[in-house]
Amino acid sequence: MNGKIEWFEQTSYEPYDRHQYKLEFDDDRSIVIDSYEELRAIWFEHIRNWNNVTVSVIDRKQKSSKGFG
């Protein structure tokens, strides 16, 4: 090693779409959001000051890539 520390900040510039995000409110309401950026915008514009709101990360079901013979 040459003494320099090497790191990366981002692995890909492609959209990241492995998860959905579920906002759950204390009155049993919930909404599912498809992108992290949208979740962040909603959180910082509206929800961060509310009580008893949680975010759950939901794995998206991956599409099968079975080929045809």
N, C-alpha and C. Protein backbone atom coordinates (compact mmCIF):
# COMPACT_ATOMS: atom_id res chain seq x y z
N MET A 1 0.84 -1.18 0.00
CA MET A 1 0.00 0.00 0.00
C MET A 1 0.88 1.24 0.00
N ASN A 2 0.42 2.28 -0.62
CA ASN A 2 1.22 3.48 -0.77
C ASN A 2 0.97 4.52 0.34
N GLY A 3 0.24 4.16 1.37
CA GLY A 3 -0.03 5.08 2.45
C GLY A 3 -1.26 5.94 2.26
N LYS A 4 -1.83 5.96 1.06
CA LYS A 4 -3.07 6.70 0.80
C LYS A 4 -4.26 5.85 1.19
N ILE A 5 -5.21 6.47 1.81
CA ILE A 5 -6.46 5.78 2.11
C ILE A 5 -7.39 5.97 0.92
N GLU A 6 -7.88 4.86 0.39
CA GLU A 6 -8.79 4.94 -0.75
C GLU A 6 -10.19 4.53 -0.29
N TRP A 7 -11.20 5.22 -0.77
CA TRP A 7 -12.58 4.89 -0.47
C TRP A 7 -13.45 5.34 -1.61
N PHE A 8 -14.68 4.90 -1.55
CA PHE A 8 -15.66 5.35 -2.54
C PHE A 8 -16.85 5.93 -1.82
N GLU A 9 -17.52 6.82 -2.48
CA GLU A 9 -18.71 7.43 -1.90
C GLU A 9 -19.98 6.89 -2.53
N GLN A 10 -19.89 6.40 -3.74
CA GLN A 10 -21.07 5.93 -4.45
C GLN A 10 -20.65 4.79 -5.36
N THR A 11 -21.43 3.70 -5.33
CA THR A 11 -21.07 2.54 -6.14
C THR A 11 -21.70 2.58 -7.52
N SER A 12 -22.78 3.33 -7.68
CA SER A 12 -23.48 3.36 -8.95
C SER A 12 -24.28 4.64 -9.06
N TYR A 13 -24.42 5.12 -10.27
CA TYR A 13 -25.26 6.30 -10.50
C TYR A 13 -26.65 5.90 -11.00
N GLU A 14 -26.89 4.60 -11.12
CA GLU A 14 -28.20 4.10 -11.53
C GLU A 14 -29.19 4.27 -10.37
N PRO A 15 -30.48 4.42 -10.67
CA PRO A 15 -31.47 4.53 -9.59
C PRO A 15 -31.46 3.28 -8.71
N TYR A 16 -31.59 3.49 -7.42
CA TYR A 16 -31.62 2.39 -6.46
C TYR A 16 -33.07 2.06 -6.17
N ASP A 17 -33.48 0.84 -6.48
CA ASP A 17 -34.90 0.53 -6.33
C ASP A 17 -35.15 -0.83 -5.68
N ARG A 18 -34.32 -1.20 -4.74
CA ARG A 18 -34.50 -2.48 -4.06
C ARG A 18 -35.51 -2.41 -2.92
N HIS A 19 -35.85 -1.22 -2.48
CA HIS A 19 -36.73 -1.09 -1.33
C HIS A 19 -37.89 -0.14 -1.60
N GLN A 20 -38.93 -0.36 -0.82
CA GLN A 20 -40.01 0.60 -0.69
C GLN A 20 -40.00 1.02 0.77
N TYR A 21 -40.67 2.10 1.07
CA TYR A 21 -40.66 2.64 2.43
C TYR A 21 -42.09 2.87 2.87
N LYS A 22 -42.43 2.35 4.04
CA LYS A 22 -43.78 2.45 4.55
C LYS A 22 -43.80 3.40 5.74
N LEU A 23 -44.55 4.49 5.61
CA LEU A 23 -44.76 5.42 6.71
C LEU A 23 -45.98 4.93 7.48
N GLU A 24 -45.80 4.72 8.79
CA GLU A 24 -46.89 4.21 9.62
C GLU A 24 -47.21 5.24 10.70
N PHE A 25 -48.48 5.61 10.75
CA PHE A 25 -48.94 6.62 11.70
C PHE A 25 -49.60 5.94 12.90
N ASP A 26 -49.71 6.66 14.02
CA ASP A 26 -50.24 6.05 15.24
C ASP A 26 -51.75 5.80 15.19
N ASP A 27 -52.44 6.29 14.17
CA ASP A 27 -53.88 6.04 14.04
C ASP A 27 -54.17 4.92 13.04
N ASP A 28 -53.18 4.03 12.82
CA ASP A 28 -53.28 2.86 11.95
C ASP A 28 -53.30 3.18 10.46
N ARG A 29 -53.05 4.43 10.09
CA ARG A 29 -52.90 4.77 8.67
C ARG A 29 -51.48 4.46 8.26
N SER A 30 -51.29 4.17 6.97
CA SER A 30 -49.94 3.99 6.45
C SER A 30 -49.93 4.30 4.96
N ILE A 31 -48.77 4.69 4.47
CA ILE A 31 -48.59 4.89 3.04
C ILE A 31 -47.26 4.26 2.63
N VAL A 32 -47.22 3.74 1.42
CA VAL A 32 -46.01 3.13 0.89
C VAL A 32 -45.42 4.06 -0.16
N ILE A 33 -44.13 4.30 -0.04
CA ILE A 33 -43.43 5.22 -0.93
C ILE A 33 -42.38 4.43 -1.69
N ASP A 34 -42.24 4.71 -2.97
CA ASP A 34 -41.37 3.92 -3.83
C ASP A 34 -39.91 4.35 -3.87
N SER A 35 -39.60 5.57 -3.47
CA SER A 35 -38.20 5.99 -3.57
C SER A 35 -37.74 6.65 -2.27
N TYR A 36 -36.47 6.48 -1.98
CA TYR A 36 -35.88 7.07 -0.78
C TYR A 36 -35.90 8.60 -0.86
N GLU A 37 -35.64 9.13 -2.03
CA GLU A 37 -35.64 10.59 -2.18
C GLU A 37 -37.02 11.17 -1.90
N GLU A 38 -38.06 10.49 -2.36
CA GLU A 38 -39.43 10.95 -2.09
C GLU A 38 -39.73 10.86 -0.59
N LEU A 39 -39.29 9.77 0.04
CA LEU A 39 -39.48 9.62 1.48
C LEU A 39 -38.80 10.76 2.24
N ARG A 40 -37.56 11.05 1.88
CA ARG A 40 -36.83 12.13 2.54
C ARG A 40 -37.55 13.47 2.40
N ALA A 41 -38.04 13.75 1.21
CA ALA A 41 -38.74 15.01 0.97
C ALA A 41 -40.00 15.10 1.84
N ILE A 42 -40.78 14.04 1.87
CA ILE A 42 -42.00 14.02 2.67
C ILE A 42 -41.66 14.16 4.15
N TRP A 43 -40.64 13.43 4.59
CA TRP A 43 -40.25 13.47 6.00
C TRP A 43 -39.85 14.88 6.43
N PHE A 44 -38.97 15.51 5.66
CA PHE A 44 -38.47 16.81 6.08
C PHE A 44 -39.46 17.94 5.84
N GLU A 45 -40.38 17.78 4.91
CA GLU A 45 -41.36 18.83 4.68
C GLU A 45 -42.57 18.75 5.60
N HIS A 46 -42.93 17.53 6.02
CA HIS A 46 -44.19 17.38 6.73
C HIS A 46 -44.12 16.62 8.05
N ILE A 47 -43.41 15.53 8.08
CA ILE A 47 -43.63 14.55 9.13
C ILE A 47 -42.63 14.59 10.28
N ARG A 48 -41.47 15.12 10.10
CA ARG A 48 -40.43 15.01 11.14
C ARG A 48 -40.84 15.61 12.48
N ASN A 49 -41.80 16.49 12.49
CA ASN A 49 -42.23 17.10 13.75
C ASN A 49 -43.46 16.43 14.36
N TRP A 50 -43.98 15.41 13.70
CA TRP A 50 -45.12 14.68 14.23
C TRP A 50 -44.65 13.61 15.20
N ASN A 51 -45.53 13.19 16.09
CA ASN A 51 -45.19 12.12 17.04
C ASN A 51 -45.67 10.77 16.51
N ASN A 52 -44.96 9.74 16.92
CA ASN A 52 -45.37 8.35 16.67
C ASN A 52 -45.52 8.01 15.19
N VAL A 53 -44.62 8.48 14.37
CA VAL A 53 -44.57 8.09 12.96
C VAL A 53 -43.30 7.28 12.77
N THR A 54 -43.45 6.11 12.17
CA THR A 54 -42.28 5.27 11.94
C THR A 54 -42.15 4.98 10.45
N VAL A 55 -40.92 4.64 10.06
CA VAL A 55 -40.64 4.26 8.69
C VAL A 55 -40.17 2.81 8.70
N SER A 56 -40.79 1.98 7.89
CA SER A 56 -40.35 0.60 7.72
C SER A 56 -39.79 0.44 6.32
N VAL A 57 -38.68 -0.26 6.22
CA VAL A 57 -38.07 -0.52 4.92
C VAL A 57 -38.57 -1.88 4.45
N ILE A 58 -39.11 -1.90 3.24
CA ILE A 58 -39.70 -3.12 2.68
C ILE A 58 -38.86 -3.56 1.50
N ASP A 59 -38.39 -4.81 1.54
CA ASP A 59 -37.68 -5.35 0.39
C ASP A 59 -38.65 -5.55 -0.76
N ARG A 60 -38.25 -5.10 -1.93
CA ARG A 60 -39.08 -5.36 -3.11
C ARG A 60 -38.90 -6.81 -3.52
N LYS A 61 -39.94 -7.39 -4.04
CA LYS A 61 -39.82 -8.74 -4.57
C LYS A 61 -39.05 -8.65 -5.88
N GLN A 62 -37.97 -9.42 -5.97
CA GLN A 62 -37.15 -9.40 -7.17
C GLN A 62 -37.81 -10.23 -8.27
N LYS A 63 -37.77 -9.72 -9.46
CA LYS A 63 -38.33 -10.42 -10.60
C LYS A 63 -37.43 -11.60 -10.96
N SER A 64 -38.04 -12.70 -11.29
CA SER A 64 -37.26 -13.88 -11.68
C SER A 64 -36.63 -13.64 -13.05
N SER A 65 -35.42 -14.10 -13.20
CA SER A 65 -34.73 -13.91 -14.49
C SER A 65 -34.50 -15.25 -15.18
N LYS A 66 -35.51 -16.11 -15.08
CA LYS A 66 -35.40 -17.41 -15.75
C LYS A 66 -35.43 -17.22 -17.25
N GLY A 67 -34.49 -17.82 -17.90
CA GLY A 67 -34.43 -17.72 -19.35
C GLY A 67 -35.26 -18.79 -20.03
N PHE A 68 -35.42 -18.64 -21.30
CA PHE A 68 -36.13 -19.63 -22.08
C PHE A 68 -35.10 -20.47 -22.82
N GLY A 69 -35.34 -21.79 -22.85
CA GLY A 69 -34.37 -22.70 -23.43
C GLY A 69 -34.49 -22.79 -24.88
